[in-house]
Amino acid sequence: MNRQAGFTLVELVIALAIFSLIGLASYRLYEGVLITQARVSAHEQGLRSLQRALALLERDIMQATIPKEGVAVTLSAGQLNLQRVNARNPLDEPRSERQEVAYRLEEGTWWRYHRSLDLPETHKQQVLKGVRALQWRLYMDKAGWRSDGASTPGRAGVQPRALEITLSAGRFEQIRRVILLPEGS
């Protein structure tokens, strides 16, 4: 008699079951990697937005100047106000014009308002979206941290030494940054 070599039906069903289990496990692993990658990407995007916002604030603070009458950096009603100089233009030439800059939180969005002292037009720039809380404090010599006003009562013209910002945005809770004000401030 002639016997034919081959697989039985039971062997084929077992092989298909093993192959299906390996395929399902591979898919689950791949799906997990994609979900993790999406979460890491979203977290990285949030972190980059936060870093850009704080870098913009720090640049303005480092270029703050003392106006003829007053204080370099002031706080009023949760808004940070300052005057800055040395803004660069596209050709990287220094400008001598002063700018008024204000930062404030409006309905979950952190905004930057700026205008040249020579022009009446105010520009509005979105700094960061999804901000749940934003607090400012200034450090004054002999008075400590103050959350409103510019100087100690009875000591007009006292310049703040540092700015503290505390904010909650996106996945980040209670981000605190202390920025030393320039010597001239």
N, C-alpha and C. Protein backbone atom coordinates (compact mmCIF):
# COMPACT_ATOMS: atom_id res chain seq x y z
N MET A 1 0.80 -1.18 0.00
CA MET A 1 0.00 0.00 0.00
C MET A 1 0.85 1.25 0.00
N ASN A 2 0.24 2.26 -0.53
CA ASN A 2 0.91 3.54 -0.61
C ASN A 2 0.37 4.48 0.47
N ARG A 3 1.20 4.87 1.41
CA ARG A 3 0.79 5.83 2.44
C ARG A 3 1.25 7.22 2.04
N GLN A 4 0.35 8.18 2.11
CA GLN A 4 0.71 9.55 1.77
C GLN A 4 1.15 10.27 3.04
N ALA A 5 2.22 11.06 2.92
CA ALA A 5 2.72 11.83 4.05
C ALA A 5 2.01 13.18 4.04
N GLY A 6 1.70 13.72 5.22
CA GLY A 6 1.03 15.02 5.32
C GLY A 6 0.62 15.30 6.75
N PHE A 7 -0.17 16.34 6.91
CA PHE A 7 -0.63 16.73 8.24
C PHE A 7 -2.06 16.27 8.41
N THR A 8 -2.36 15.94 9.62
CA THR A 8 -3.75 15.59 9.91
C THR A 8 -4.51 16.87 10.21
N LEU A 9 -5.82 16.77 10.21
CA LEU A 9 -6.66 17.93 10.50
C LEU A 9 -6.42 18.45 11.90
N VAL A 10 -6.20 17.58 12.85
CA VAL A 10 -5.94 17.99 14.24
C VAL A 10 -4.64 18.80 14.31
N GLU A 11 -3.62 18.35 13.60
CA GLU A 11 -2.34 19.08 13.61
C GLU A 11 -2.50 20.47 12.99
N LEU A 12 -3.26 20.58 11.93
CA LEU A 12 -3.50 21.88 11.31
C LEU A 12 -4.26 22.83 12.24
N VAL A 13 -5.28 22.32 12.93
CA VAL A 13 -6.06 23.15 13.87
C VAL A 13 -5.17 23.63 15.01
N ILE A 14 -4.31 22.76 15.54
CA ILE A 14 -3.39 23.15 16.62
C ILE A 14 -2.40 24.20 16.12
N ALA A 15 -1.86 24.03 14.92
CA ALA A 15 -0.91 25.00 14.36
C ALA A 15 -1.59 26.35 14.15
N LEU A 16 -2.83 26.36 13.64
CA LEU A 16 -3.57 27.61 13.46
C LEU A 16 -3.86 28.28 14.80
N ALA A 17 -4.20 27.52 15.83
CA ALA A 17 -4.46 28.08 17.15
C ALA A 17 -3.20 28.73 17.73
N ILE A 18 -2.06 28.07 17.61
CA ILE A 18 -0.79 28.63 18.11
C ILE A 18 -0.44 29.91 17.33
N PHE A 19 -0.58 29.85 16.01
CA PHE A 19 -0.29 31.02 15.18
C PHE A 19 -1.21 32.18 15.54
N SER A 20 -2.49 31.91 15.80
CA SER A 20 -3.44 32.95 16.18
C SER A 20 -3.08 33.57 17.52
N LEU A 21 -2.68 32.75 18.48
CA LEU A 21 -2.28 33.27 19.80
C LEU A 21 -1.03 34.16 19.69
N ILE A 22 -0.06 33.73 18.89
CA ILE A 22 1.15 34.54 18.70
C ILE A 22 0.79 35.86 18.00
N GLY A 23 -0.07 35.81 17.01
CA GLY A 23 -0.50 37.03 16.31
C GLY A 23 -1.25 37.98 17.23
N LEU A 24 -2.15 37.46 18.07
CA LEU A 24 -2.91 38.27 19.01
C LEU A 24 -1.97 38.91 20.04
N ALA A 25 -1.03 38.15 20.56
CA ALA A 25 -0.07 38.69 21.53
C ALA A 25 0.79 39.78 20.89
N SER A 26 1.20 39.58 19.65
CA SER A 26 2.00 40.59 18.95
C SER A 26 1.20 41.86 18.73
N TYR A 27 -0.07 41.72 18.37
CA TYR A 27 -0.92 42.89 18.15
C TYR A 27 -1.10 43.68 19.44
N ARG A 28 -1.35 42.96 20.53
CA ARG A 28 -1.53 43.63 21.83
C ARG A 28 -0.25 44.37 22.23
N LEU A 29 0.88 43.77 22.01
CA LEU A 29 2.15 44.41 22.33
C LEU A 29 2.34 45.66 21.47
N TYR A 30 2.07 45.57 20.18
CA TYR A 30 2.20 46.70 19.27
C TYR A 30 1.24 47.83 19.66
N GLU A 31 0.00 47.46 19.99
CA GLU A 31 -1.00 48.43 20.43
C GLU A 31 -0.54 49.14 21.70
N GLY A 32 0.03 48.41 22.63
CA GLY A 32 0.55 49.02 23.87
C GLY A 32 1.68 50.00 23.59
N VAL A 33 2.55 49.64 22.64
CA VAL A 33 3.65 50.54 22.28
C VAL A 33 3.09 51.82 21.66
N LEU A 34 2.09 51.72 20.79
CA LEU A 34 1.50 52.90 20.16
C LEU A 34 0.82 53.81 21.18
N ILE A 35 0.10 53.23 22.13
CA ILE A 35 -0.57 54.02 23.17
C ILE A 35 0.46 54.74 24.04
N THR A 36 1.52 54.03 24.41
CA THR A 36 2.58 54.64 25.22
C THR A 36 3.27 55.76 24.45
N GLN A 37 3.52 55.55 23.17
CA GLN A 37 4.16 56.57 22.35
C GLN A 37 3.27 57.82 22.24
N ALA A 38 1.96 57.64 22.10
CA ALA A 38 1.05 58.78 22.02
C ALA A 38 1.05 59.56 23.33
N ARG A 39 1.05 58.86 24.46
CA ARG A 39 1.07 59.54 25.76
C ARG A 39 2.37 60.30 25.97
N VAL A 40 3.48 59.69 25.62
CA VAL A 40 4.79 60.36 25.76
C VAL A 40 4.84 61.58 24.85
N SER A 41 4.32 61.47 23.64
CA SER A 41 4.32 62.59 22.71
C SER A 41 3.46 63.74 23.24
N ALA A 42 2.30 63.44 23.80
CA ALA A 42 1.43 64.48 24.36
C ALA A 42 2.11 65.15 25.56
N HIS A 43 2.75 64.35 26.41
CA HIS A 43 3.46 64.90 27.57
C HIS A 43 4.61 65.79 27.12
N GLU A 44 5.35 65.34 26.11
CA GLU A 44 6.47 66.12 25.58
C GLU A 44 5.99 67.44 24.99
N GLN A 45 4.87 67.42 24.26
CA GLN A 45 4.32 68.64 23.68
C GLN A 45 3.91 69.62 24.77
N GLY A 46 3.28 69.11 25.82
CA GLY A 46 2.91 69.98 26.95
C GLY A 46 4.12 70.58 27.63
N LEU A 47 5.15 69.78 27.80
CA LEU A 47 6.38 70.26 28.43
C LEU A 47 7.06 71.32 27.55
N ARG A 48 7.09 71.10 26.25
CA ARG A 48 7.68 72.10 25.35
C ARG A 48 6.91 73.42 25.37
N SER A 49 5.59 73.35 25.40
CA SER A 49 4.78 74.57 25.47
C SER A 49 5.06 75.32 26.76
N LEU A 50 5.17 74.59 27.85
CA LEU A 50 5.47 75.21 29.14
C LEU A 50 6.86 75.85 29.12
N GLN A 51 7.83 75.17 28.55
CA GLN A 51 9.19 75.72 28.46
C GLN A 51 9.23 76.97 27.60
N ARG A 52 8.50 76.97 26.48
CA ARG A 52 8.46 78.16 25.62
C ARG A 52 7.85 79.34 26.37
N ALA A 53 6.77 79.08 27.10
CA ALA A 53 6.10 80.15 27.84
C ALA A 53 7.03 80.75 28.89
N LEU A 54 7.70 79.90 29.64
CA LEU A 54 8.60 80.40 30.68
C LEU A 54 9.83 81.08 30.09
N ALA A 55 10.29 80.62 28.94
CA ALA A 55 11.44 81.27 28.27
C ALA A 55 11.05 82.67 27.80
N LEU A 56 9.83 82.82 27.29
CA LEU A 56 9.36 84.14 26.86
C LEU A 56 9.28 85.09 28.05
N LEU A 57 8.72 84.61 29.14
CA LEU A 57 8.64 85.43 30.35
C LEU A 57 10.03 85.81 30.85
N GLU A 58 10.93 84.84 30.89
CA GLU A 58 12.28 85.10 31.39
C GLU A 58 13.01 86.11 30.50
N ARG A 59 12.82 86.00 29.20
CA ARG A 59 13.46 86.97 28.30
C ARG A 59 12.97 88.38 28.58
N ASP A 60 11.66 88.54 28.78
CA ASP A 60 11.12 89.86 29.09
C ASP A 60 11.65 90.37 30.43
N ILE A 61 11.72 89.49 31.41
CA ILE A 61 12.21 89.89 32.74
C ILE A 61 13.68 90.30 32.66
N MET A 62 14.49 89.56 31.91
CA MET A 62 15.92 89.89 31.80
C MET A 62 16.15 91.22 31.07
N GLN A 63 15.18 91.65 30.26
CA GLN A 63 15.32 92.90 29.54
C GLN A 63 14.50 94.02 30.19
N ALA A 64 14.01 93.78 31.41
CA ALA A 64 13.23 94.80 32.12
C ALA A 64 14.12 95.99 32.46
N THR A 65 13.52 97.15 32.43
CA THR A 65 14.23 98.37 32.75
C THR A 65 13.41 99.21 33.71
N ILE A 66 14.05 100.08 34.43
CA ILE A 66 13.35 100.94 35.37
C ILE A 66 12.85 102.17 34.63
N PRO A 67 11.53 102.42 34.66
CA PRO A 67 11.03 103.64 34.02
C PRO A 67 11.49 104.88 34.79
N LYS A 68 11.33 106.05 34.18
CA LYS A 68 11.77 107.29 34.82
C LYS A 68 11.14 107.48 36.18
N GLU A 69 9.87 107.18 36.29
CA GLU A 69 9.19 107.25 37.57
C GLU A 69 8.56 105.90 37.83
N GLY A 70 8.99 105.23 38.85
CA GLY A 70 8.35 103.99 39.19
C GLY A 70 9.30 102.83 39.41
N VAL A 71 8.74 101.67 39.27
CA VAL A 71 9.43 100.43 39.59
C VAL A 71 9.48 99.57 38.33
N ALA A 72 10.53 98.78 38.19
CA ALA A 72 10.74 97.99 36.98
C ALA A 72 9.63 96.97 36.75
N VAL A 73 9.28 96.21 37.77
CA VAL A 73 8.29 95.15 37.64
C VAL A 73 7.24 95.35 38.72
N THR A 74 5.97 95.34 38.32
CA THR A 74 4.89 95.53 39.29
C THR A 74 3.83 94.44 39.12
N LEU A 75 3.07 94.24 40.17
CA LEU A 75 1.95 93.33 40.16
C LEU A 75 0.70 94.11 40.54
N SER A 76 -0.39 93.87 39.83
CA SER A 76 -1.66 94.47 40.21
C SER A 76 -2.78 93.57 39.72
N ALA A 77 -3.63 93.18 40.63
CA ALA A 77 -4.80 92.34 40.31
C ALA A 77 -4.41 91.09 39.52
N GLY A 78 -3.34 90.43 39.93
CA GLY A 78 -2.94 89.19 39.28
C GLY A 78 -2.26 89.38 37.94
N GLN A 79 -1.91 90.60 37.60
CA GLN A 79 -1.26 90.89 36.32
C GLN A 79 0.16 91.37 36.57
N LEU A 80 1.09 90.88 35.78
CA LEU A 80 2.49 91.30 35.84
C LEU A 80 2.71 92.39 34.81
N ASN A 81 3.29 93.52 35.24
CA ASN A 81 3.55 94.65 34.34
C ASN A 81 5.03 95.00 34.40
N LEU A 82 5.60 95.33 33.24
CA LEU A 82 6.99 95.75 33.19
C LEU A 82 7.24 96.54 31.93
N GLN A 83 8.38 97.24 31.92
CA GLN A 83 8.86 97.88 30.71
C GLN A 83 10.17 97.20 30.35
N ARG A 84 10.37 96.99 29.06
CA ARG A 84 11.58 96.32 28.61
C ARG A 84 12.23 97.09 27.46
N VAL A 85 13.52 96.85 27.27
CA VAL A 85 14.28 97.45 26.18
C VAL A 85 15.06 96.34 25.49
N ASN A 86 15.82 96.71 24.48
CA ASN A 86 16.73 95.80 23.79
C ASN A 86 16.02 94.68 23.04
N ALA A 87 14.79 94.91 22.59
CA ALA A 87 14.14 93.90 21.76
C ALA A 87 14.89 93.85 20.43
N ARG A 88 15.07 92.68 19.89
CA ARG A 88 15.81 92.51 18.64
C ARG A 88 14.85 92.47 17.45
N ASN A 89 15.29 92.98 16.33
CA ASN A 89 14.50 92.92 15.12
C ASN A 89 15.00 91.78 14.23
N PRO A 90 14.37 91.52 13.08
CA PRO A 90 14.79 90.38 12.25
C PRO A 90 16.25 90.44 11.78
N LEU A 91 16.82 91.64 11.65
CA LEU A 91 18.21 91.76 11.23
C LEU A 91 19.17 91.70 12.42
N ASP A 92 18.65 91.43 13.60
CA ASP A 92 19.42 91.32 14.83
C ASP A 92 20.10 92.63 15.21
N GLU A 93 19.51 93.74 14.81
CA GLU A 93 20.00 95.06 15.19
C GLU A 93 19.29 95.47 16.48
N PRO A 94 20.01 96.02 17.45
CA PRO A 94 19.34 96.43 18.69
C PRO A 94 18.43 97.63 18.43
N ARG A 95 17.31 97.67 19.14
CA ARG A 95 16.39 98.79 19.07
C ARG A 95 16.45 99.53 20.40
N SER A 96 16.22 100.81 20.36
CA SER A 96 16.28 101.57 21.59
C SER A 96 14.90 101.85 22.16
N GLU A 97 13.85 101.45 21.45
CA GLU A 97 12.50 101.74 21.93
C GLU A 97 12.15 100.90 23.15
N ARG A 98 11.39 101.48 24.00
CA ARG A 98 10.89 100.77 25.18
C ARG A 98 9.54 100.16 24.84
N GLN A 99 9.25 99.06 25.49
CA GLN A 99 7.96 98.41 25.31
C GLN A 99 7.33 98.18 26.67
N GLU A 100 6.03 98.37 26.73
CA GLU A 100 5.27 97.97 27.92
C GLU A 100 4.81 96.55 27.69
N VAL A 101 5.00 95.72 28.69
CA VAL A 101 4.62 94.31 28.58
C VAL A 101 3.76 93.96 29.79
N ALA A 102 2.69 93.22 29.57
CA ALA A 102 1.83 92.76 30.65
C ALA A 102 1.49 91.30 30.41
N TYR A 103 1.47 90.52 31.48
CA TYR A 103 1.07 89.12 31.42
C TYR A 103 -0.14 88.94 32.32
N ARG A 104 -1.15 88.23 31.82
CA ARG A 104 -2.31 87.93 32.66
C ARG A 104 -3.03 86.68 32.16
N LEU A 105 -3.79 86.11 33.07
CA LEU A 105 -4.56 84.89 32.79
C LEU A 105 -6.00 85.28 32.51
N GLU A 106 -6.54 84.82 31.39
CA GLU A 106 -7.93 85.09 31.02
C GLU A 106 -8.58 83.79 30.57
N GLU A 107 -9.53 83.31 31.33
CA GLU A 107 -10.32 82.12 31.00
C GLU A 107 -9.48 80.93 30.58
N GLY A 108 -8.48 80.61 31.38
CA GLY A 108 -7.65 79.44 31.14
C GLY A 108 -6.55 79.61 30.13
N THR A 109 -6.37 80.82 29.60
CA THR A 109 -5.30 81.08 28.65
C THR A 109 -4.42 82.20 29.20
N TRP A 110 -3.12 81.97 29.16
CA TRP A 110 -2.14 82.94 29.62
C TRP A 110 -1.77 83.82 28.43
N TRP A 111 -1.96 85.12 28.58
CA TRP A 111 -1.74 86.08 27.49
C TRP A 111 -0.61 87.03 27.81
N ARG A 112 0.05 87.50 26.76
CA ARG A 112 1.10 88.54 26.86
C ARG A 112 0.63 89.71 26.01
N TYR A 113 0.56 90.88 26.63
CA TYR A 113 0.21 92.11 25.92
C TYR A 113 1.48 92.95 25.85
N HIS A 114 1.76 93.51 24.66
CA HIS A 114 2.94 94.36 24.55
C HIS A 114 2.67 95.47 23.55
N ARG A 115 3.28 96.61 23.81
CA ARG A 115 3.16 97.74 22.91
C ARG A 115 4.38 98.64 23.07
N SER A 116 4.72 99.31 22.01
CA SER A 116 5.78 100.30 22.03
C SER A 116 5.23 101.55 22.70
N LEU A 117 6.06 102.23 23.48
CA LEU A 117 5.61 103.44 24.14
C LEU A 117 5.29 104.54 23.13
N ASP A 118 5.83 104.44 21.92
CA ASP A 118 5.60 105.44 20.89
C ASP A 118 4.32 105.20 20.10
N LEU A 119 3.77 103.99 20.19
CA LEU A 119 2.60 103.64 19.38
C LEU A 119 1.44 103.26 20.28
N PRO A 120 0.21 103.58 19.87
CA PRO A 120 -0.94 103.25 20.71
C PRO A 120 -1.42 101.80 20.57
N GLU A 121 -1.00 101.11 19.52
CA GLU A 121 -1.50 99.76 19.25
C GLU A 121 -0.91 98.74 20.21
N THR A 122 -1.78 97.95 20.84
CA THR A 122 -1.36 96.89 21.74
C THR A 122 -1.50 95.55 21.04
N HIS A 123 -0.47 94.72 21.14
CA HIS A 123 -0.47 93.40 20.53
C HIS A 123 -0.75 92.36 21.61
N LYS A 124 -1.56 91.39 21.25
CA LYS A 124 -1.94 90.32 22.17
C LYS A 124 -1.35 89.01 21.66
N GLN A 125 -0.62 88.30 22.52
CA GLN A 125 0.04 87.06 22.12
C GLN A 125 -0.33 85.96 23.12
N GLN A 126 -0.78 84.84 22.60
CA GLN A 126 -1.09 83.70 23.46
C GLN A 126 0.20 83.06 23.92
N VAL A 127 0.33 82.89 25.22
CA VAL A 127 1.54 82.30 25.78
C VAL A 127 1.33 80.81 26.05
N LEU A 128 0.22 80.46 26.71
CA LEU A 128 -0.02 79.07 27.08
C LEU A 128 -1.51 78.85 27.28
N LYS A 129 -2.03 77.74 26.73
CA LYS A 129 -3.43 77.36 26.91
C LYS A 129 -3.55 76.33 28.02
N GLY A 130 -4.75 76.20 28.54
CA GLY A 130 -5.03 75.16 29.54
C GLY A 130 -4.43 75.45 30.90
N VAL A 131 -4.31 76.72 31.25
CA VAL A 131 -3.75 77.09 32.55
C VAL A 131 -4.88 77.14 33.57
N ARG A 132 -4.75 76.36 34.63
CA ARG A 132 -5.77 76.32 35.68
C ARG A 132 -5.52 77.34 36.77
N ALA A 133 -4.26 77.64 37.05
CA ALA A 133 -3.94 78.60 38.11
C ALA A 133 -2.63 79.30 37.76
N LEU A 134 -2.56 80.58 38.11
CA LEU A 134 -1.36 81.37 37.85
C LEU A 134 -1.23 82.38 38.98
N GLN A 135 -0.10 82.36 39.67
CA GLN A 135 0.15 83.28 40.77
C GLN A 135 1.52 83.91 40.61
N TRP A 136 1.60 85.17 40.97
CA TRP A 136 2.85 85.93 40.90
C TRP A 136 3.21 86.41 42.30
N ARG A 137 4.51 86.50 42.58
CA ARG A 137 5.00 87.16 43.80
C ARG A 137 6.33 87.82 43.48
N LEU A 138 6.56 88.96 44.12
CA LEU A 138 7.83 89.67 43.99
C LEU A 138 8.56 89.63 45.32
N TYR A 139 9.86 89.48 45.27
CA TYR A 139 10.66 89.51 46.49
C TYR A 139 11.25 90.90 46.67
N MET A 140 10.93 91.51 47.81
CA MET A 140 11.42 92.85 48.13
C MET A 140 12.38 92.75 49.30
N ASP A 141 13.49 93.48 49.21
CA ASP A 141 14.43 93.53 50.33
C ASP A 141 13.70 93.99 51.59
N LYS A 142 13.95 93.32 52.69
CA LYS A 142 13.42 93.62 54.02
C LYS A 142 11.90 93.48 54.13
N ALA A 143 11.22 93.12 53.06
CA ALA A 143 9.77 92.93 53.13
C ALA A 143 9.38 91.50 52.76
N GLY A 144 10.28 90.78 52.11
CA GLY A 144 10.00 89.40 51.73
C GLY A 144 9.13 89.32 50.49
N TRP A 145 8.44 88.20 50.36
CA TRP A 145 7.60 87.95 49.19
C TRP A 145 6.29 88.72 49.32
N ARG A 146 5.91 89.43 48.25
CA ARG A 146 4.66 90.18 48.20
C ARG A 146 3.89 89.75 46.95
N SER A 147 2.59 89.56 47.11
CA SER A 147 1.80 89.09 45.97
C SER A 147 1.02 90.19 45.28
N ASP A 148 1.07 91.40 45.80
CA ASP A 148 0.38 92.50 45.13
C ASP A 148 1.12 93.79 45.41
N GLY A 149 1.10 94.70 44.47
CA GLY A 149 1.80 95.97 44.64
C GLY A 149 3.23 95.86 44.18
N ALA A 150 3.94 96.95 44.29
CA ALA A 150 5.31 96.98 43.78
C ALA A 150 6.34 97.22 44.85
N SER A 151 5.98 97.94 45.87
CA SER A 151 6.97 98.25 46.89
C SER A 151 6.33 98.25 48.26
N THR A 152 7.16 98.27 49.23
CA THR A 152 6.70 98.28 50.61
C THR A 152 6.06 99.64 50.91
N PRO A 153 4.94 99.68 51.62
CA PRO A 153 4.33 100.96 51.94
C PRO A 153 5.34 101.86 52.66
N GLY A 154 5.38 103.11 52.22
CA GLY A 154 6.30 104.05 52.85
C GLY A 154 7.71 103.98 52.29
N ARG A 155 7.97 103.08 51.34
CA ARG A 155 9.31 102.95 50.75
C ARG A 155 9.19 102.99 49.24
N ALA A 156 8.70 104.08 48.73
CA ALA A 156 8.51 104.21 47.28
C ALA A 156 9.83 104.06 46.55
N GLY A 157 9.78 103.44 45.40
CA GLY A 157 10.98 103.30 44.58
C GLY A 157 11.84 102.09 44.93
N VAL A 158 11.45 101.27 45.89
CA VAL A 158 12.22 100.08 46.22
C VAL A 158 12.00 99.07 45.10
N GLN A 159 13.09 98.61 44.51
CA GLN A 159 13.01 97.70 43.38
C GLN A 159 12.95 96.24 43.84
N PRO A 160 12.10 95.44 43.21
CA PRO A 160 12.06 94.01 43.56
C PRO A 160 13.34 93.31 43.12
N ARG A 161 13.68 92.24 43.82
CA ARG A 161 14.91 91.50 43.54
C ARG A 161 14.66 90.22 42.76
N ALA A 162 13.45 89.65 42.90
CA ALA A 162 13.15 88.38 42.22
C ALA A 162 11.65 88.28 41.96
N LEU A 163 11.31 87.47 40.98
CA LEU A 163 9.91 87.20 40.63
C LEU A 163 9.68 85.70 40.78
N GLU A 164 8.59 85.36 41.44
CA GLU A 164 8.20 83.95 41.55
C GLU A 164 6.89 83.76 40.80
N ILE A 165 6.85 82.74 39.96
CA ILE A 165 5.63 82.38 39.25
C ILE A 165 5.29 80.95 39.63
N THR A 166 4.03 80.73 39.96
CA THR A 166 3.53 79.38 40.26
C THR A 166 2.32 79.15 39.37
N LEU A 167 2.37 78.07 38.59
CA LEU A 167 1.25 77.81 37.70
C LEU A 167 0.94 76.33 37.61
N SER A 168 -0.30 76.06 37.27
CA SER A 168 -0.77 74.71 37.00
C SER A 168 -1.36 74.72 35.60
N ALA A 169 -0.83 73.86 34.75
CA ALA A 169 -1.29 73.81 33.37
C ALA A 169 -1.16 72.40 32.83
N GLY A 170 -2.17 71.96 32.12
CA GLY A 170 -2.12 70.62 31.53
C GLY A 170 -1.94 69.55 32.59
N ARG A 171 -0.92 68.73 32.40
CA ARG A 171 -0.64 67.64 33.34
C ARG A 171 0.25 68.09 34.49
N PHE A 172 0.65 69.34 34.49
CA PHE A 172 1.62 69.82 35.47
C PHE A 172 0.92 70.59 36.59
N GLU A 173 1.19 70.18 37.80
CA GLU A 173 0.62 70.81 38.98
C GLU A 173 1.70 71.58 39.72
N GLN A 174 1.40 72.79 40.09
CA GLN A 174 2.28 73.60 40.93
C GLN A 174 3.71 73.71 40.40
N ILE A 175 3.84 74.15 39.16
CA ILE A 175 5.17 74.45 38.62
C ILE A 175 5.58 75.79 39.21
N ARG A 176 6.73 75.83 39.85
CA ARG A 176 7.21 77.05 40.50
C ARG A 176 8.55 77.44 39.90
N ARG A 177 8.65 78.70 39.52
CA ARG A 177 9.88 79.20 38.93
C ARG A 177 10.22 80.52 39.59
N VAL A 178 11.46 80.69 40.02
CA VAL A 178 11.94 81.94 40.58
C VAL A 178 12.96 82.53 39.62
N ILE A 179 12.72 83.77 39.21
CA ILE A 179 13.58 84.44 38.26
C ILE A 179 14.19 85.65 38.96
N LEU A 180 15.50 85.69 39.03
CA LEU A 180 16.18 86.85 39.60
C LEU A 180 16.08 88.01 38.63
N LEU A 181 15.78 89.16 39.15
CA LEU A 181 15.69 90.35 38.31
C LEU A 181 17.08 90.90 38.08
N PRO A 182 17.32 91.53 36.93
CA PRO A 182 18.65 92.07 36.65
C PRO A 182 19.04 93.12 37.69
N GLU A 183 20.34 93.34 37.83
CA GLU A 183 20.85 94.27 38.83
C GLU A 183 20.21 95.64 38.72
N GLY A 184 20.01 96.11 37.49
CA GLY A 184 19.44 97.44 37.31
C GLY A 184 17.99 97.54 37.74
N SER A 185 17.33 96.39 37.90
CA SER A 185 15.92 96.43 38.27
C SER A 185 15.80 96.60 39.74
